[in-house]
Amino acid sequence: MINNTLAVGVQGIQDGMAGMENAARKIARGGVDGPQGTAEGAGDLIESMVDLRLYERSVEASAQVVKTADETLGTLLDIRA
């Protein structure tokens, strides 16, 4: 059960990092994909910035899952020792 939890946490971190990289790439392009100087281009940039923060929070939450599973496993090992 703990191995499953660790796997989910690690997968969440990997997915979040991939999302952050994608959002950062869009921000770095600065709305080049859409028409520059238009509301659509600015909207894409803002959406990418929001996505970056959401993925950041996702990574933080997944890291907390991994940390909690690790602490739980450590406690179980201490009890068995």
Protein backbone atom coordinates (compact mmCIF):
# COMPACT_ATOMS: atom_id res chain seq x y z
CA MET A 1 0.00 0.00 0.00
CA ILE A 2 2.80 2.44 0.83
CA ASN A 3 4.64 1.51 -2.36
CA ASN A 4 1.49 2.42 -4.28
CA THR A 5 1.29 5.75 -2.49
CA LEU A 6 4.94 6.47 -3.21
CA ALA A 7 4.43 5.63 -6.88
CA VAL A 8 1.45 7.96 -7.13
CA GLY A 9 3.40 10.76 -5.43
CA VAL A 10 6.41 10.34 -7.70
CA GLN A 11 4.19 10.21 -10.79
CA GLY A 12 2.47 13.40 -9.63
CA ILE A 13 5.85 15.12 -9.28
CA GLN A 14 6.90 14.00 -12.75
CA ASP A 15 3.62 15.11 -14.33
CA GLY A 16 3.77 18.44 -12.54
CA MET A 17 7.34 19.07 -13.63
CA ALA A 18 6.43 18.29 -17.25
CA GLY A 19 3.50 20.71 -17.01
CA MET A 20 5.73 23.39 -15.49
CA GLU A 21 8.26 22.98 -18.29
CA ASN A 22 5.52 23.31 -20.89
CA ALA A 23 4.02 26.40 -19.24
CA ALA A 24 7.46 27.98 -18.81
CA ARG A 25 8.22 27.34 -22.47
CA LYS A 26 4.99 29.13 -23.46
CA ILE A 27 5.84 32.04 -21.17
CA ALA A 28 9.35 32.27 -22.61
CA ARG A 29 7.90 32.49 -26.09
CA GLY A 30 5.89 35.42 -24.76
CA GLY A 31 2.72 34.76 -26.67
CA VAL A 32 4.55 34.28 -29.96
CA ASP A 33 2.09 31.50 -30.80
CA GLY A 34 -0.80 33.97 -30.85
CA PRO A 35 -0.96 37.41 -32.45
CA GLN A 36 1.39 39.71 -30.57
CA GLY A 37 0.01 42.87 -29.05
CA THR A 38 -3.53 41.51 -29.03
CA ALA A 39 -5.79 40.50 -26.21
CA GLU A 40 -5.55 36.89 -27.42
CA GLY A 41 -1.75 36.91 -27.14
CA ALA A 42 -1.93 38.44 -23.65
CA GLY A 43 -4.59 35.93 -22.63
CA ASP A 44 -2.35 33.04 -23.67
CA LEU A 45 0.49 34.47 -21.61
CA ILE A 46 -1.70 34.94 -18.55
CA GLU A 47 -3.13 31.44 -18.93
CA SER A 48 0.40 30.01 -19.10
CA MET A 49 1.39 31.90 -15.96
CA VAL A 50 -1.64 30.54 -14.10
CA ASP A 51 -0.85 27.04 -15.37
CA LEU A 52 2.71 27.40 -14.09
CA ARG A 53 1.45 28.19 -10.58
CA LEU A 54 -1.06 25.33 -10.68
CA TYR A 55 1.60 22.84 -11.69
CA GLU A 56 3.89 24.23 -8.99
CA ARG A 57 1.21 23.56 -6.36
CA SER A 58 0.66 20.09 -7.82
CA VAL A 59 4.36 19.28 -7.41
CA GLU A 60 4.33 20.59 -3.85
CA ALA A 61 1.30 18.44 -2.97
CA SER A 62 2.83 15.36 -4.58
CA ALA A 63 6.09 15.95 -2.72
CA GLN A 64 4.11 16.07 0.52
CA VAL A 65 2.51 12.72 -0.36
CA VAL A 66 5.96 11.21 -0.89
CA LYS A 67 7.25 12.73 2.35
CA THR A 68 4.29 11.41 4.35
CA ALA A 69 4.60 7.92 2.84
CA ASP A 70 8.32 7.94 3.64
CA GLU A 71 7.69 8.96 7.24
CA THR A 72 4.99 6.31 7.59
CA LEU A 73 7.28 3.65 6.22
CA GLY A 74 10.02 4.76 8.62
CA THR A 75 7.62 4.56 11.55
CA LEU A 76 6.50 1.06 10.52
CA LEU A 77 10.10 -0.09 10.25
CA ASP A 78 10.88 1.36 13.68
CA ILE A 79 7.92 -0.50 15.17
CA ARG A 80 9.00 -3.79 13.61
CA ALA A 81 12.62 -3.41 14.75
